Each structure stands twice: as C-alpha cells, then as structure tokens.
C-alpha cells in the first residue's frame, strides 16, 4: 500500500481545504486521530493550611477563567504536569489586580503571567 494516499470517504463531497483538514485528523486506515494534550495543571485551594483539590485545566483559557472567578484573597497552588509527571509548581494568592506570586519553581516560573486577563495586566 506504499504510495497510496488515504482520502475521505466517497460519500463526502469536500473542497481541497476540507480534504486537507480531514487528512490531518485521520490515520491511513481512516480512523480518527485523537489529539490529546500532553500537559495539564492541577489546582488546589489552600484551606486551613491544607491543599484541597479544586480543578484540572488543560488550557490557558481554562486557567484564566478559573483564576478570574476566584475571590480576592484566595490562596491556591498549581502543579504543572506533563505525562503525569510534575515538572513545576507555584503558590499564589488571588488579588484584586491579578495574582500575587508567593513562589514558583522549575517549569512553572512565569506561569502567573498566563493566569491574568488583559484587563488585569
């Protein structure tokens, strides 16, 4: 089957752009390719000195939304993970103007920049 290029099913009429898009999301057998994120951030709220699971986010947009909805004064931690391995983290406090960094380490250094909306910068 070398040199044979997979095409969308014959019952689908598609322009060149749509065909190219279909080819990006299907393998040589026509099966859908799952594009799963390799990284994620686990957020914990700090309550009475303990970390309590809050959420897992897989995009900066989700991170910004969750942080912007937090009440000012909320203390939280973020654990940056790739392939289920923690590669960095940080301790933060939500403020009226954005996020106060208490500590960031390794790959999470600068993560606070992705947590605030343009209006808060």
PDB file of N, CA and C in Angstrom:
ATOM      1  N   UNK A   1       0.814  -1.194   0.000  1.00  0.00           N
ATOM      2  CA  UNK A   1       0.000   0.000   0.000  1.00  0.00           C
ATOM      3  C   UNK A   1       0.855   1.255   0.000  1.00  0.00           C
ATOM      4  N   UNK A   2       2.161   1.104  -0.229  1.00  0.00           N
ATOM      5  CA  UNK A   2       3.021   2.269  -0.277  1.00  0.00           C
ATOM      6  C   UNK A   2       2.614   3.171  -1.421  1.00  0.00           C
ATOM      7  N   UNK A   3       2.686   4.467  -1.192  1.00  0.00           N
ATOM      8  CA  UNK A   3       2.343   5.430  -2.221  1.00  0.00           C
ATOM      9  C   UNK A   3       0.854   5.700  -2.326  1.00  0.00           C
ATOM     10  N   UNK A   4       0.031   4.896  -1.652  1.00  0.00           N
ATOM     11  CA  UNK A   4      -1.416   5.106  -1.677  1.00  0.00           C
ATOM     12  C   UNK A   4      -1.767   6.149  -0.639  1.00  0.00           C
ATOM     13  N   UNK A   5      -2.474   7.145  -1.057  1.00  0.00           N
ATOM     14  CA  UNK A   5      -2.863   8.218  -0.145  1.00  0.00           C
ATOM     15  C   UNK A   5      -4.314   8.024   0.258  1.00  0.00           C
ATOM     16  N   UNK A   6      -4.558   8.052   1.545  1.00  0.00           N
ATOM     17  CA  UNK A   6      -5.918   7.903   2.055  1.00  0.00           C
ATOM     18  C   UNK A   6      -6.734   9.131   1.671  1.00  0.00           C
ATOM     19  N   UNK A   7      -7.976   8.937   1.378  1.00  0.00           N
ATOM     20  CA  UNK A   7      -8.879  10.012   1.007  1.00  0.00           C
ATOM     21  C   UNK A   7     -10.131   9.923   1.873  1.00  0.00           C
ATOM     22  N   UNK A   8     -10.854  11.031   2.015  1.00  0.00           N
ATOM     23  CA  UNK A   8     -12.126  10.976   2.745  1.00  0.00           C
ATOM     24  C   UNK A   8     -13.067   9.994   2.064  1.00  0.00           C
ATOM     25  N   UNK A   9     -14.028   9.462   2.796  1.00  0.00           N
ATOM     26  CA  UNK A   9     -14.996   8.545   2.194  1.00  0.00           C
ATOM     27  C   UNK A   9     -15.638   9.152   0.943  1.00  0.00           C
ATOM     28  N   UNK A  10     -15.968   8.305  -0.014  1.00  0.00           N
ATOM     29  CA  UNK A  10     -16.511   8.755  -1.297  1.00  0.00           C
ATOM     30  C   UNK A  10     -17.845   9.478  -1.150  1.00  0.00           C
ATOM     31  N   UNK A  11     -18.590   9.188  -0.091  1.00  0.00           N
ATOM     32  CA  UNK A  11     -19.903   9.833   0.079  1.00  0.00           C
ATOM     33  C   UNK A  11     -19.801  11.239   0.656  1.00  0.00           C
ATOM     34  N   UNK A  12     -18.572  11.727   0.878  1.00  0.00           N
ATOM     35  CA  UNK A  12     -18.383  13.082   1.393  1.00  0.00           C
ATOM     36  C   UNK A  12     -17.792  13.942   0.279  1.00  0.00           C
ATOM     37  N   UNK A  13     -18.517  14.949  -0.128  1.00  0.00           N
ATOM     38  CA  UNK A  13     -18.006  15.898  -1.123  1.00  0.00           C
ATOM     39  C   UNK A  13     -17.305  17.011  -0.356  1.00  0.00           C
ATOM     40  N   UNK A  14     -16.003  17.170  -0.620  1.00  0.00           N
ATOM     41  CA  UNK A  14     -15.250  18.156   0.144  1.00  0.00           C
ATOM     42  C   UNK A  14     -14.310  18.924  -0.775  1.00  0.00           C
ATOM     43  N   UNK A  15     -14.139  20.209  -0.476  1.00  0.00           N
ATOM     44  CA  UNK A  15     -13.182  21.026  -1.211  1.00  0.00           C
ATOM     45  C   UNK A  15     -11.763  20.636  -0.780  1.00  0.00           C
ATOM     46  N   UNK A  16     -10.764  21.206  -1.415  1.00  0.00           N
ATOM     47  CA  UNK A  16      -9.378  20.868  -1.091  1.00  0.00           C
ATOM     48  C   UNK A  16      -9.031  21.194   0.357  1.00  0.00           C
ATOM     49  N   UNK A  17      -9.535  22.318   0.867  1.00  0.00           N
ATOM     50  CA  UNK A  17      -9.254  22.710   2.244  1.00  0.00           C
ATOM     51  C   UNK A  17      -9.868  21.717   3.224  1.00  0.00           C
ATOM     52  N   UNK A  18     -11.101  21.326   2.966  1.00  0.00           N
ATOM     53  CA  UNK A  18     -11.780  20.366   3.853  1.00  0.00           C
ATOM     54  C   UNK A  18     -11.123  18.993   3.776  1.00  0.00           C
ATOM     55  N   UNK A  19     -10.687  18.609   2.593  1.00  0.00           N
ATOM     56  CA  UNK A  19      -9.991  17.335   2.440  1.00  0.00           C
ATOM     57  C   UNK A  19      -8.692  17.343   3.235  1.00  0.00           C
ATOM     58  N   UNK A  20      -7.935  18.447   3.157  1.00  0.00           N
ATOM     59  CA  UNK A  20      -6.689  18.563   3.916  1.00  0.00           C
ATOM     60  C   UNK A  20      -6.955  18.477   5.414  1.00  0.00           C
ATOM     61  N   UNK A  21      -8.019  19.121   5.878  1.00  0.00           N
ATOM     62  CA  UNK A  21      -8.385  19.071   7.299  1.00  0.00           C
ATOM     63  C   UNK A  21      -8.731  17.641   7.692  1.00  0.00           C
ATOM     64  N   UNK A  22      -9.497  16.956   6.853  1.00  0.00           N
ATOM     65  CA  UNK A  22      -9.873  15.568   7.135  1.00  0.00           C
ATOM     66  C   UNK A  22      -8.626  14.703   7.246  1.00  0.00           C
ATOM     67  N   UNK A  23      -7.676  14.900   6.349  1.00  0.00           N
ATOM     68  CA  UNK A  23      -6.448  14.107   6.356  1.00  0.00           C
ATOM     69  C   UNK A  23      -5.617  14.339   7.613  1.00  0.00           C
ATOM     70  N   UNK A  24      -5.654  15.566   8.175  1.00  0.00           N
ATOM     71  CA  UNK A  24      -4.910  15.859   9.408  1.00  0.00           C
ATOM     72  C   UNK A  24      -5.467  15.101  10.600  1.00  0.00           C
ATOM     73  N   UNK A  25      -6.754  14.813  10.573  1.00  0.00           N
ATOM     74  CA  UNK A  25      -7.404  14.202  11.729  1.00  0.00           C
ATOM     75  C   UNK A  25      -7.749  12.729  11.550  1.00  0.00           C
ATOM     76  N   UNK A  26      -7.213  12.086  10.521  1.00  0.00           N
ATOM     77  CA  UNK A  26      -7.468  10.666  10.285  1.00  0.00           C
ATOM     78  C   UNK A  26      -6.176   9.963   9.904  1.00  0.00           C
ATOM     79  N   UNK A  27      -6.014   8.715  10.353  1.00  0.00           N
ATOM     80  CA  UNK A  27      -4.811   7.961  10.006  1.00  0.00           C
ATOM     81  C   UNK A  27      -4.991   7.271   8.657  1.00  0.00           C
ATOM     82  N   UNK A  28      -4.013   6.463   8.268  1.00  0.00           N
ATOM     83  CA  UNK A  28      -4.017   5.822   6.949  1.00  0.00           C
ATOM     84  C   UNK A  28      -5.203   4.872   6.757  1.00  0.00           C
ATOM     85  N   UNK A  29      -5.785   4.373   7.856  1.00  0.00           N
ATOM     86  CA  UNK A  29      -6.950   3.493   7.755  1.00  0.00           C
ATOM     87  C   UNK A  29      -8.266   4.264   7.836  1.00  0.00           C
ATOM     88  N   UNK A  30      -8.188   5.585   7.943  1.00  0.00           N
ATOM     89  CA  UNK A  30      -9.397   6.400   8.022  1.00  0.00           C
ATOM     90  C   UNK A  30      -9.946   6.570   9.427  1.00  0.00           C
ATOM     91  N   UNK A  31      -9.199   6.077  10.428  1.00  0.00           N
ATOM     92  CA  UNK A  31      -9.653   6.221  11.822  1.00  0.00           C
ATOM     93  C   UNK A  31      -9.299   7.600  12.351  1.00  0.00           C
ATOM     94  N   UNK A  32     -10.132   8.121  13.221  1.00  0.00           N
ATOM     95  CA  UNK A  32      -9.907   9.444  13.805  1.00  0.00           C
ATOM     96  C   UNK A  32      -8.681   9.416  14.699  1.00  0.00           C
ATOM     97  N   UNK A  33      -7.819  10.422  14.554  1.00  0.00           N
ATOM     98  CA  UNK A  33      -6.640  10.577  15.402  1.00  0.00           C
ATOM     99  C   UNK A  33      -7.051  11.441  16.595  1.00  0.00           C
ATOM    100  N   UNK A  34      -6.798  10.953  17.790  1.00  0.00           N
ATOM    101  CA  UNK A  34      -7.112  11.706  18.995  1.00  0.00           C
ATOM    102  C   UNK A  34      -5.947  12.605  19.342  1.00  0.00           C
ATOM    103  N   UNK A  35      -6.145  13.908  19.352  1.00  0.00           N
ATOM    104  CA  UNK A  35      -5.101  14.860  19.724  1.00  0.00           C
ATOM    105  C   UNK A  35      -5.290  15.229  21.188  1.00  0.00           C
ATOM    106  N   UNK A  36      -4.713  14.430  22.056  1.00  0.00           N
ATOM    107  CA  UNK A  36      -4.840  14.660  23.489  1.00  0.00           C
ATOM    108  C   UNK A  36      -3.707  15.554  23.962  1.00  0.00           C
ATOM    109  N   UNK A  37      -4.003  16.447  24.886  1.00  0.00           N
ATOM    110  CA  UNK A  37      -2.927  17.280  25.425  1.00  0.00           C
ATOM    111  C   UNK A  37      -1.969  16.427  26.246  1.00  0.00           C
ATOM    112  N   UNK A  38      -0.685  16.792  26.207  1.00  0.00           N
ATOM    113  CA  UNK A  38       0.284  16.046  26.998  1.00  0.00           C
ATOM    114  C   UNK A  38       0.500  16.695  28.359  1.00  0.00           C
ATOM    115  N   UNK A  39       0.014  17.916  28.509  1.00  0.00           N
ATOM    116  CA  UNK A  39       0.230  18.622  29.757  1.00  0.00           C
ATOM    117  C   UNK A  39      -1.062  19.121  30.373  1.00  0.00           C
ATOM    118  N   UNK A  40      -1.010  19.355  31.662  1.00  0.00           N
ATOM    119  CA  UNK A  40      -2.163  19.881  32.376  1.00  0.00           C
ATOM    120  C   UNK A  40      -1.688  20.509  33.677  1.00  0.00           C
ATOM    121  N   UNK A  41      -2.565  21.287  34.298  1.00  0.00           N
ATOM    122  CA  UNK A  41      -2.267  21.919  35.577  1.00  0.00           C
ATOM    123  C   UNK A  41      -3.341  21.496  36.573  1.00  0.00           C
ATOM    124  N   UNK A  42      -2.896  21.020  37.722  1.00  0.00           N
ATOM    125  CA  UNK A  42      -3.820  20.658  38.781  1.00  0.00           C
ATOM    126  C   UNK A  42      -3.802  21.800  39.793  1.00  0.00           C
ATOM    127  N   UNK A  43      -4.965  22.368  40.054  1.00  0.00           N
ATOM    128  CA  UNK A  43      -5.091  23.477  41.006  1.00  0.00           C
ATOM    129  C   UNK A  43      -5.654  22.979  42.327  1.00  0.00           C
ATOM    130  N   UNK A  44      -5.069  23.486  43.404  1.00  0.00           N
ATOM    131  CA  UNK A  44      -5.526  23.171  44.750  1.00  0.00           C
ATOM    132  C   UNK A  44      -5.780  24.479  45.486  1.00  0.00           C
ATOM    133  N   UNK A  45      -6.872  24.557  46.220  1.00  0.00           N
ATOM    134  CA  UNK A  45      -7.137  25.700  47.090  1.00  0.00           C
ATOM    135  C   UNK A  45      -6.496  25.414  48.440  1.00  0.00           C
ATOM    136  N   UNK A  46      -5.900  26.430  49.033  1.00  0.00           N
ATOM    137  CA  UNK A  46      -5.307  26.273  50.358  1.00  0.00           C
ATOM    138  C   UNK A  46      -6.334  26.695  51.397  1.00  0.00           C
ATOM    139  N   UNK A  47      -6.793  25.716  52.142  1.00  0.00           N
ATOM    140  CA  UNK A  47      -7.796  25.965  53.182  1.00  0.00           C
ATOM    141  C   UNK A  47      -7.260  25.395  54.483  1.00  0.00           C
ATOM    142  N   UNK A  48      -7.156  26.253  55.503  1.00  0.00           N
ATOM    143  CA  UNK A  48      -6.626  25.851  56.818  1.00  0.00           C
ATOM    144  C   UNK A  48      -5.267  25.168  56.693  1.00  0.00           C
ATOM    145  N   UNK A  49      -4.413  25.692  55.809  1.00  0.00           N
ATOM    146  CA  UNK A  49      -3.059  25.175  55.666  1.00  0.00           C
ATOM    147  C   UNK A  49      -2.943  23.875  54.883  1.00  0.00           C
ATOM    148  N   UNK A  50      -4.055  23.404  54.317  1.00  0.00           N
ATOM    149  CA  UNK A  50      -4.017  22.165  53.557  1.00  0.00           C
ATOM    150  C   UNK A  50      -4.446  22.412  52.115  1.00  0.00           C
ATOM    151  N   UNK A  51      -3.858  21.633  51.196  1.00  0.00           N
ATOM    152  CA  UNK A  51      -4.246  21.724  49.797  1.00  0.00           C
ATOM    153  C   UNK A  51      -5.482  20.855  49.558  1.00  0.00           C
ATOM    154  N   UNK A  52      -6.515  21.471  48.997  1.00  0.00           N
ATOM    155  CA  UNK A  52      -7.733  20.753  48.647  1.00  0.00           C
ATOM    156  C   UNK A  52      -7.928  20.838  47.140  1.00  0.00           C
ATOM    157  N   UNK A  53      -8.098  19.685  46.511  1.00  0.00           N
ATOM    158  CA  UNK A  53      -8.243  19.653  45.054  1.00  0.00           C
ATOM    159  C   UNK A  53      -9.358  20.605  44.615  1.00  0.00           C
ATOM    160  N   UNK A  54      -9.061  21.383  43.564  1.00  0.00           N
ATOM    161  CA  UNK A  54     -10.030  22.340  43.024  1.00  0.00           C
ATOM    162  C   UNK A  54     -10.389  21.998  41.586  1.00  0.00           C
ATOM    163  N   UNK A  55      -9.389  21.841  40.709  1.00  0.00           N
ATOM    164  CA  UNK A  55      -9.684  21.590  39.300  1.00  0.00           C
ATOM    165  C   UNK A  55      -8.429  21.144  38.561  1.00  0.00           C
ATOM    166  N   UNK A  56      -8.657  20.544  37.406  1.00  0.00           N
ATOM    167  CA  UNK A  56      -7.582  20.227  36.475  1.00  0.00           C
ATOM    168  C   UNK A  56      -7.877  20.967  35.188  1.00  0.00           C
ATOM    169  N   UNK A  57      -6.915  21.738  34.699  1.00  0.00           N
ATOM    170  CA  UNK A  57      -7.115  22.509  33.466  1.00  0.00           C
ATOM    171  C   UNK A  57      -6.092  22.079  32.420  1.00  0.00           C
ATOM    172  N   UNK A  58      -6.517  22.163  31.168  1.00  0.00           N
ATOM    173  CA  UNK A  58      -5.654  21.738  30.070  1.00  0.00           C
ATOM    174  C   UNK A  58      -5.377  22.848  29.072  1.00  0.00           C
ATOM    175  N   UNK A  59      -5.799  24.065  29.405  1.00  0.00           N
ATOM    176  CA  UNK A  59      -5.520  25.194  28.509  1.00  0.00           C
ATOM    177  C   UNK A  59      -5.366  26.464  29.333  1.00  0.00           C
ATOM    178  N   UNK A  60      -4.655  27.443  28.736  1.00  0.00           N
ATOM    179  CA  UNK A  60      -4.505  28.732  29.406  1.00  0.00           C
ATOM    180  C   UNK A  60      -5.860  29.417  29.570  1.00  0.00           C
ATOM    181  N   UNK A  61      -6.744  29.247  28.605  1.00  0.00           N
ATOM    182  CA  UNK A  61      -8.066  29.874  28.686  1.00  0.00           C
ATOM    183  C   UNK A  61      -8.834  29.360  29.904  1.00  0.00           C
ATOM    184  N   UNK A  62      -8.795  28.037  30.134  1.00  0.00           N
ATOM    185  CA  UNK A  62      -9.471  27.470  31.304  1.00  0.00           C
ATOM    186  C   UNK A  62      -8.818  27.946  32.594  1.00  0.00           C
ATOM    187  N   UNK A  63      -7.490  28.047  32.590  1.00  0.00           N
ATOM    188  CA  UNK A  63      -6.766  28.530  33.763  1.00  0.00           C
ATOM    189  C   UNK A  63      -7.171  29.962  34.094  1.00  0.00           C
ATOM    190  N   UNK A  64      -7.171  30.829  33.074  1.00  0.00           N
ATOM    191  CA  UNK A  64      -7.561  32.237  33.291  1.00  0.00           C
ATOM    192  C   UNK A  64      -8.987  32.343  33.818  1.00  0.00           C
ATOM    193  N   UNK A  65      -9.897  31.549  33.274  1.00  0.00           N
ATOM    194  CA  UNK A  65     -11.294  31.613  33.703  1.00  0.00           C
ATOM    195  C   UNK A  65     -11.427  31.227  35.174  1.00  0.00           C
ATOM    196  N   UNK A  66     -10.805  30.122  35.573  1.00  0.00           N
ATOM    197  CA  UNK A  66     -10.908  29.694  36.968  1.00  0.00           C
ATOM    198  C   UNK A  66     -10.297  30.710  37.921  1.00  0.00           C
ATOM    199  N   UNK A  67      -9.120  31.219  37.576  1.00  0.00           N
ATOM    200  CA  UNK A  67      -8.446  32.184  38.460  1.00  0.00           C
ATOM    201  C   UNK A  67      -9.234  33.486  38.535  1.00  0.00           C
ATOM    202  N   UNK A  68      -9.772  33.947  37.403  1.00  0.00           N
ATOM    203  CA  UNK A  68     -10.530  35.206  37.422  1.00  0.00           C
ATOM    204  C   UNK A  68     -11.816  35.097  38.237  1.00  0.00           C
ATOM    205  N   UNK A  69     -12.351  33.883  38.375  1.00  0.00           N
ATOM    206  CA  UNK A  69     -13.572  33.690  39.158  1.00  0.00           C
ATOM    207  C   UNK A  69     -13.312  33.515  40.656  1.00  0.00           C
ATOM    208  N   UNK A  70     -12.034  33.425  41.044  1.00  0.00           N
ATOM    209  CA  UNK A  70     -11.701  33.276  42.462  1.00  0.00           C
ATOM    210  C   UNK A  70     -11.900  34.596  43.195  1.00  0.00           C
ATOM    211  N   UNK A  71     -12.259  34.494  44.436  1.00  0.00           N
ATOM    212  CA  UNK A  71     -12.436  35.661  45.290  1.00  0.00           C
ATOM    213  C   UNK A  71     -11.061  36.201  45.674  1.00  0.00           C
ATOM    214  N   UNK A  72     -10.933  37.518  45.728  1.00  0.00           N
ATOM    215  CA  UNK A  72      -9.675  38.136  46.141  1.00  0.00           C
ATOM    216  C   UNK A  72      -9.278  37.612  47.515  1.00  0.00           C
ATOM    217  N   UNK A  73      -8.013  37.252  47.660  1.00  0.00           N
ATOM    218  CA  UNK A  73      -7.516  36.697  48.917  1.00  0.00           C
ATOM    219  C   UNK A  73      -7.426  35.176  48.899  1.00  0.00           C
ATOM    220  N   UNK A  74      -7.972  34.546  47.877  1.00  0.00           N
ATOM    221  CA  UNK A  74      -7.902  33.091  47.767  1.00  0.00           C
ATOM    222  C   UNK A  74      -6.456  32.660  47.550  1.00  0.00           C
ATOM    223  N   UNK A  75      -5.995  31.735  48.387  1.00  0.00           N
ATOM    224  CA  UNK A  75      -4.642  31.195  48.223  1.00  0.00           C
ATOM    225  C   UNK A  75      -4.778  29.848  47.537  1.00  0.00           C
ATOM    226  N   UNK A  76      -3.926  29.628  46.510  1.00  0.00           N
ATOM    227  CA  UNK A  76      -4.007  28.370  45.770  1.00  0.00           C
ATOM    228  C   UNK A  76      -2.633  27.957  45.280  1.00  0.00           C
ATOM    229  N   UNK A  77      -2.529  26.692  44.928  1.00  0.00           N
ATOM    230  CA  UNK A  77      -1.289  26.158  44.362  1.00  0.00           C
ATOM    231  C   UNK A  77      -1.601  25.567  42.999  1.00  0.00           C
ATOM    232  N   UNK A  78      -0.572  25.540  42.165  1.00  0.00           N
ATOM    233  CA  UNK A  78      -0.696  24.958  40.829  1.00  0.00           C
ATOM    234  C   UNK A  78       0.440  23.971  40.634  1.00  0.00           C
ATOM    235  N   UNK A  79       0.107  22.789  40.162  1.00  0.00           N
ATOM    236  CA  UNK A  79       1.093  21.758  39.869  1.00  0.00           C
ATOM    237  C   UNK A  79       1.064  21.529  38.364  1.00  0.00           C
ATOM    238  N   UNK A  80       2.150  21.889  37.677  1.00  0.00           N
ATOM    239  CA  UNK A  80       2.261  21.740  36.231  1.00  0.00           C
ATOM    240  C   UNK A  80       2.769  20.331  35.934  1.00  0.00           C
ATOM    241  N   UNK A  81       1.997  19.579  35.147  1.00  0.00           N
ATOM    242  CA  UNK A  81       2.328  18.181  34.884  1.00  0.00           C
ATOM    243  C   UNK A  81       2.391  17.905  33.383  1.00  0.00           C
ATOM    244  N   UNK A  82       3.301  17.034  33.009  1.00  0.00           N
ATOM    245  CA  UNK A  82       3.376  16.523  31.645  1.00  0.00           C
ATOM    246  C   UNK A  82       3.561  15.021  31.762  1.00  0.00           C
ATOM    247  N   UNK A  83       2.772  14.286  31.022  1.00  0.00           N
ATOM    248  CA  UNK A  83       2.817  12.821  31.069  1.00  0.00           C
ATOM    249  C   UNK A  83       2.733  12.317  32.501  1.00  0.00           C
ATOM    250  N   UNK A  84       1.843  12.903  33.295  1.00  0.00           N
ATOM    251  CA  UNK A  84       1.575  12.511  34.676  1.00  0.00           C
ATOM    252  C   UNK A  84       2.780  12.701  35.598  1.00  0.00           C
ATOM    253  N   UNK A  85       3.751  13.513  35.179  1.00  0.00           N
ATOM    254  CA  UNK A  85       4.937  13.801  35.985  1.00  0.00           C
ATOM    255  C   UNK A  85       4.945  15.289  36.303  1.00  0.00           C
ATOM    256  N   UNK A  86       5.075  15.659  37.567  1.00  0.00           N
ATOM    257  CA  UNK A  86       5.096  17.071  37.932  1.00  0.00           C
ATOM    258  C   UNK A  86       6.432  17.684  37.544  1.00  0.00           C
ATOM    259  N   UNK A  87       6.375  18.753  36.734  1.00  0.00           N
ATOM    260  CA  UNK A  87       7.600  19.397  36.262  1.00  0.00           C
ATOM    261  C   UNK A  87       7.771  20.812  36.804  1.00  0.00           C
ATOM    262  N   UNK A  88       6.852  21.249  37.629  1.00  0.00           N
ATOM    263  CA  UNK A  88       6.949  22.574  38.219  1.00  0.00           C
ATOM    264  C   UNK A  88       5.701  22.885  39.013  1.00  0.00           C
ATOM    265  N   UNK A  89       5.756  23.991  39.724  1.00  0.00           N
ATOM    266  CA  UNK A  89       4.592  24.368  40.518  1.00  0.00           C
ATOM    267  C   UNK A  89       4.742  25.753  41.084  1.00  0.00           C
ATOM    268  N   UNK A  90       3.684  26.198  41.713  1.00  0.00           N
ATOM    269  CA  UNK A  90       3.721  27.520  42.305  1.00  0.00           C
ATOM    270  C   UNK A  90       2.667  27.703  43.371  1.00  0.00           C
ATOM    271  N   UNK A  91       2.917  28.707  44.218  1.00  0.00           N
ATOM    272  CA  UNK A  91       1.993  29.095  45.281  1.00  0.00           C
ATOM    273  C   UNK A  91       1.569  30.520  44.992  1.00  0.00           C
ATOM    274  N   UNK A  92       0.266  30.773  44.983  1.00  0.00           N
ATOM    275  CA  UNK A  92      -0.259  32.062  44.555  1.00  0.00           C
ATOM    276  C   UNK A  92      -1.370  32.540  45.484  1.00  0.00           C
ATOM    277  N   UNK A  93      -1.621  33.854  45.421  1.00  0.00           N
ATOM    278  CA  UNK A  93      -2.764  34.454  46.091  1.00  0.00           C
ATOM    279  C   UNK A  93      -3.493  35.300  45.068  1.00  0.00           C
ATOM    280  N   UNK A  94      -4.797  35.107  44.956  1.00  0.00           N
ATOM    281  CA  UNK A  94      -5.616  35.911  44.047  1.00  0.00           C
ATOM    282  C   UNK A  94      -5.790  37.285  44.681  1.00  0.00           C
ATOM    283  N   UNK A  95      -5.492  38.334  43.918  1.00  0.00           N
ATOM    284  CA  UNK A  95      -5.648  39.705  44.406  1.00  0.00           C
ATOM    285  C   UNK A  95      -6.681  40.420  43.547  1.00  0.00           C
ATOM    286  N   UNK A  96      -7.033  41.613  43.939  1.00  0.00           N
ATOM    287  CA  UNK A  96      -7.977  42.412  43.158  1.00  0.00           C
ATOM    288  C   UNK A  96      -7.403  42.708  41.782  1.00  0.00           C
ATOM    289  N   UNK A  97      -6.095  42.942  41.735  1.00  0.00           N
ATOM    290  CA  UNK A  97      -5.437  43.314  40.479  1.00  0.00           C
ATOM    291  C   UNK A  97      -4.916  42.136  39.668  1.00  0.00           C
ATOM    292  N   UNK A  98      -5.018  40.928  40.156  1.00  0.00           N
ATOM    293  CA  UNK A  98      -4.491  39.782  39.421  1.00  0.00           C
ATOM    294  C   UNK A  98      -4.070  38.668  40.349  1.00  0.00           C
ATOM    295  N   UNK A  99      -2.791  38.293  40.259  1.00  0.00           N
ATOM    296  CA  UNK A  99      -2.264  37.174  41.039  1.00  0.00           C
ATOM    297  C   UNK A  99      -0.940  37.578  41.664  1.00  0.00           C
ATOM    298  N   UNK A 100      -0.805  37.326  42.955  1.00  0.00           N
ATOM    299  CA  UNK A 100       0.461  37.550  43.657  1.00  0.00           C
ATOM    300  C   UNK A 100       1.202  36.224  43.711  1.00  0.00           C
ATOM    301  N   UNK A 101       2.453  36.246  43.297  1.00  0.00           N
ATOM    302  CA  UNK A 101       3.277  35.036  43.312  1.00  0.00           C
ATOM    303  C   UNK A 101       3.947  34.918  44.664  1.00  0.00           C
ATOM    304  N   UNK A 102       3.703  33.827  45.362  1.00  0.00           N
ATOM    305  CA  UNK A 102       4.405  33.564  46.612  1.00  0.00           C
ATOM    306  C   UNK A 102       5.648  32.728  46.345  1.00  0.00           C
ATOM    307  N   UNK A 103       5.566  31.850  45.357  1.00  0.00           N
ATOM    308  CA  UNK A 103       6.735  31.051  44.962  1.00  0.00           C
ATOM    309  C   UNK A 103       6.399  30.300  43.670  1.00  0.00           C
ATOM    310  N   UNK A 104       7.356  30.265  42.748  1.00  0.00           N
ATOM    311  CA  UNK A 104       7.235  29.453  41.535  1.00  0.00           C
ATOM    312  C   UNK A 104       8.522  28.665  41.368  1.00  0.00           C
ATOM    313  N   UNK A 105       8.410  27.449  40.846  1.00  0.00           N
ATOM    314  CA  UNK A 105       9.607  26.627  40.690  1.00  0.00           C
ATOM    315  C   UNK A 105       9.641  25.934  39.335  1.00  0.00           C
ATOM    316  N   UNK A 106      10.822  25.670  38.896  1.00  0.00           N
ATOM    317  CA  UNK A 106      11.141  24.919  37.688  1.00  0.00           C
ATOM    318  C   UNK A 106      10.331  25.400  36.480  1.00  0.00           C
ATOM    319  N   UNK A 107       9.661  24.509  35.789  1.00  0.00           N
ATOM    320  CA  UNK A 107       8.974  24.858  34.543  1.00  0.00           C
ATOM    321  C   UNK A 107       7.791  25.801  34.755  1.00  0.00           C
ATOM    322  N   UNK A 108       7.352  25.989  35.973  1.00  0.00           N
ATOM    323  CA  UNK A 108       6.218  26.869  36.249  1.00  0.00           C
ATOM    324  C   UNK A 108       6.627  28.320  36.459  1.00  0.00           C
ATOM    325  N   UNK A 109       7.919  28.627  36.381  1.00  0.00           N
ATOM    326  CA  UNK A 109       8.347  30.014  36.543  1.00  0.00           C
ATOM    327  C   UNK A 109       7.740  30.863  35.432  1.00  0.00           C
ATOM    328  N   UNK A 110       7.024  31.888  35.814  1.00  0.00           N
ATOM    329  CA  UNK A 110       6.344  32.755  34.853  1.00  0.00           C
ATOM    330  C   UNK A 110       4.917  32.328  34.553  1.00  0.00           C
ATOM    331  N   UNK A 111       4.464  31.237  35.159  1.00  0.00           N
ATOM    332  CA  UNK A 111       3.100  30.755  34.915  1.00  0.00           C
ATOM    333  C   UNK A 111       2.053  31.791  35.300  1.00  0.00           C
ATOM    334  N   UNK A 112       2.362  32.618  36.300  1.00  0.00           N
ATOM    335  CA  UNK A 112       1.395  33.627  36.752  1.00  0.00           C
ATOM    336  C   UNK A 112       0.987  34.583  35.626  1.00  0.00           C
ATOM    337  N   UNK A 113       1.852  34.780  34.642  1.00  0.00           N
ATOM    338  CA  UNK A 113       1.532  35.674  33.526  1.00  0.00           C
ATOM    339  C   UNK A 113       0.352  35.132  32.730  1.00  0.00           C
ATOM    340  N   UNK A 114       0.244  33.820  32.625  1.00  0.00           N
ATOM    341  CA  UNK A 114      -0.854  33.198  31.877  1.00  0.00           C
ATOM    342  C   UNK A 114      -2.156  33.167  32.665  1.00  0.00           C
ATOM    343  N   UNK A 115      -2.115  33.539  33.934  1.00  0.00           N
ATOM    344  CA  UNK A 115      -3.301  33.442  34.789  1.00  0.00           C
ATOM    345  C   UNK A 115      -4.173  34.680  34.764  1.00  0.00           C
ATOM    346  N   UNK A 116      -3.653  35.781  34.278  1.00  0.00           N
ATOM    347  CA  UNK A 116      -4.427  37.026  34.346  1.00  0.00           C
ATOM    348  C   UNK A 116      -4.934  37.423  32.965  1.00  0.00           C
ATOM    349  N   UNK A 117      -6.072  38.065  32.968  1.00  0.00           N
ATOM    350  CA  UNK A 117      -6.644  38.553  31.712  1.00  0.00           C
ATOM    351  C   UNK A 117      -5.959  39.850  31.313  1.00  0.00           C
ATOM    352  N   UNK A 118      -6.167  40.261  30.087  1.00  0.00           N
ATOM    353  CA  UNK A 118      -5.546  41.505  29.604  1.00  0.00           C
ATOM    354  C   UNK A 118      -5.983  42.705  30.424  1.00  0.00           C
ATOM    355  N   UNK A 119      -7.207  42.694  30.914  1.00  0.00           N
ATOM    356  CA  UNK A 119      -7.716  43.816  31.696  1.00  0.00           C
ATOM    357  C   UNK A 119      -6.972  43.964  33.018  1.00  0.00           C
ATOM    358  N   UNK A 120      -6.450  42.838  33.541  1.00  0.00           N
ATOM    359  CA  UNK A 120      -5.757  42.860  34.820  1.00  0.00           C
ATOM    360  C   UNK A 120      -4.273  43.190  34.682  1.00  0.00           C
ATOM    361  N   UNK A 121      -3.732  43.175  33.471  1.00  0.00           N
ATOM    362  CA  UNK A 121      -2.296  43.414  33.282  1.00  0.00           C
ATOM    363  C   UNK A 121      -1.956  44.868  33.358  1.00  0.00           C
TER     364      UNK A 121
END
